[in-house]
Amino acid sequence: MAETAAESGGGGDSGVGACERGVAPIKAQYRTTKERFHEYLDGDKQEGACQEVPTGDPAEPGAKRIRLEDGQENGKTEVAIESRERQMPKRARGQNKSRPHVKPAHYDKERLCPSLLQEPATPCAFGDRCRFLHDVGRYLETKPADLGPRCVLFDTFGRCPFSMTCRFAGAHLGPEGQNLVQEEVVARCAQLPSVRNGLDRALQQQLRKRQVCFERAEQALNRLTQGPMPTVVPETTVAMVTPKQNSCHAQLDTVGGAGTPQSSPVPTCGPLTDEDVIRLRPCEKKRLDISGKLYLAPLTTCGNLPFRRICKRFGADVTCGEMAVCTNLLQGQMSEWALLKRHPCEDIFGVQLEGAFPDTMTKCAELLNRTIDVDFVDINVGCPIDLVYKKGGGCALMNRSAKFQQIVRGVNEVLDVPLTVKMRTGVQERVSLAHRLLPELRDWGVALVTVGVGQCGHTSGFLWLSRFLVLSLCLVSCCLSVPPPALHLLIPSTCYLHLQPSLLLPHPQLHGRSREQRYTRLADWPYIEQCAKVASPMPLFGNGDILSFEDANCAMQTGVAGIMVARGALLKPWLFTEIKEQRHWDISSSERLDILRDFTHYGLEHWGSDTQGVERTRRFLLEWLSFLCRYVPVGLLERPPQRINERPPYYLGRDYLETLMASQQAADWIRISEMLLGPVPPGFVFLPKHKANAYK
């Protein structure tokens, strides 16, 4: 049926050329129009879909409109272009900041008291003041129907801790409503490693009451603010070994660089070792030796633990948790600490911290150093969103070199594991700072740096203004006899670095991906090659626009120590397998659905199988589907591989499911989620985090 529909939908009337710039080159027999695409998926919505098709452009979403260069056309053409641009709707950009934020608890208003779910049941500590239900019969009357006959938690662990609140409770409830247990499975799972890096309730209370002592952080901060900062000589001969479990009670004081225990007795757990009483010197730190490995980037929202398990299964070597805000961690927020959790399959794992000030970052690093198990800690110097940038964090640190240095040195001093940095190439377009900061990061003791790259073809207003100021100052220097070397005292460093005569003309030039560019430019790997030479011998990982093994091979030829995969893993997590096996994987729609099913199973294990856990799993599944829909199967391409900047036109796949997965409508993503997690609750609404990820 799909093959027939594909043949009828293809041809020259699709409105999409095979070589149109910015559009994936799909074979003609699969291309179709927007009307036929939605008619094939859901015939009863054909009329509504046709009304939303822009006049004269039936193949949207397609390539971004390419503006004509100034002076290429006459005035009449420019007027016609301006009038046409006013008529055509602009592509949505940015975040859906006004989208409805419906928490999963909203769909579970009649919740049963947790005290009734414990085995054996315990009296409720809140008594009559408890806001949850204590009437089991009333709860079962209002509880929605089960979503399936099998419970993932019961099958995997032998016992479901959610008991009767589980949305798959029929699989493990006895005839009298008791929660069944598979003793053999429970005994087997008890010997397996569990998820680590959870937040202890006692520690959470201490953090909220500000009763946690940060002695090492205070000492480090005092040394940073007094006198010149010593240069750290990185050690390149110490190989990385298995991370040790840090003692939560050892408090050390250093004098002149040598570590000595405190004068007062300190309570310890277990026998003392050399690691408990002797502080590691910088040259004795374990080296993060991950050269040549595939590094899954820390991805906000989508880079959760279930998604990382999917990527590990397909060959990712190094994983990193989502960006965690240090102030939220110091406040003991459970949602922020959940970002630090580590699954047993993550053999090389790190966490990423975001902060703008040395005191909070150093204290947070000391807290994590003694409470969680990680192989490295990464500092986020690349986040471009306003919420982080305006507070001085993220990529704003690149322009705050003094604070940046204090953060790196302070965090590195209190950590017993290697410190890494993930950064952009700059803040403004065409003003690259990475090549200047890399030698300094190496001297500050950073073990590894990852740089994301891109291409810029337009000059920002900031840079034009800086050039105007420099020309003016040059004229002033001629009149006042100011020597040219003194100009750097009057000009910001970000302007002075790139004031070359060739830049005074408006021509495109390749530079790194900056904050202003976000993800609107292609990757510029020649700049990464320059950065790798400057950073040597410190290893440098490159990141940008890797969607195939050819892209990975070209990236490794630039001299980087390894590559980090970000958006490419969201579009196709089996990219790691393609890189390791050096082949294009024409994965079928049924195989892709199995991947989504495994994600939902991992999500139910991680977030729970009650109503809140199911809806939280659904939400993260839908966010991931907003990226997966951009993938084009290899068998449909005229010339593989697909480029990451190529958006797919409307096409009919080789079967119905493949066509459904290509839809860019949120309603179709919800239909896919219902195949895996059952029907959505009444009044369910979903909008993706980014406006460009969905079309009506």
Foldseek 3Di string as FASTA:
>chain_A
DLQVLLQVFFDDVLQDDQPDPQAFRFDRSWGHFQLSLVCVQPVVCSVVSVVPQDPPRRFPPFHDDDDDDPPPDDPVVVVVVVVVVVRDDDFFFDFPPVDDDDALCNLVQAAADLQVLDVVRDDDPCPPNDPHDPDPVVCVVPQDAALDQDDLCCVQQQFASCQPLFSNNNNAADPVSDGHGDVVSNVVVVPDDFKFQADDPVVLVCLQVVNDDQQLLVVLLVVLVDDDDDWDQEADPAAADFFDQAWQWQDWDDDPQWIAGDPDDIDGDDDDDPPRGTPDDLHRFHADPQFPFEEADADPLQLAPLLVVLLVVLGHQEYEFHEAELVCVSNSDNVRSNSVIDGPSHRAYEYEYKDAAQSSLLSSLLVCQNRTGHQEYEYAQADLDPVRVVRRIHVSVLLVVSRVLSNLLSSCRNHRHAYEYEHEQEAAPPQGRLLVCLVVSNRSSHQEYEYEFFFDWFHDPVQVVLLVVVVVVVVVCVVVVPDVVCVPVVGRPSNVVPPDPVVVDRGTDGDTQHSVCPQVGAGDLLVVLSSCVSNPPRAYEYEGFDQALVSQVVNVVSPGSHYYYYLNCLQPSSRSNCNVVVHADQDDLVVVLVSLLSSQSVQCVSQHRRSSSLVSSLQSQLLSLLSNLQDDGPVRGPDDDDTPSRGHTQTRDPDSSNSLSNAQASVSSQVSSCVRRNHDRPPDDDDHRTSSSHDD
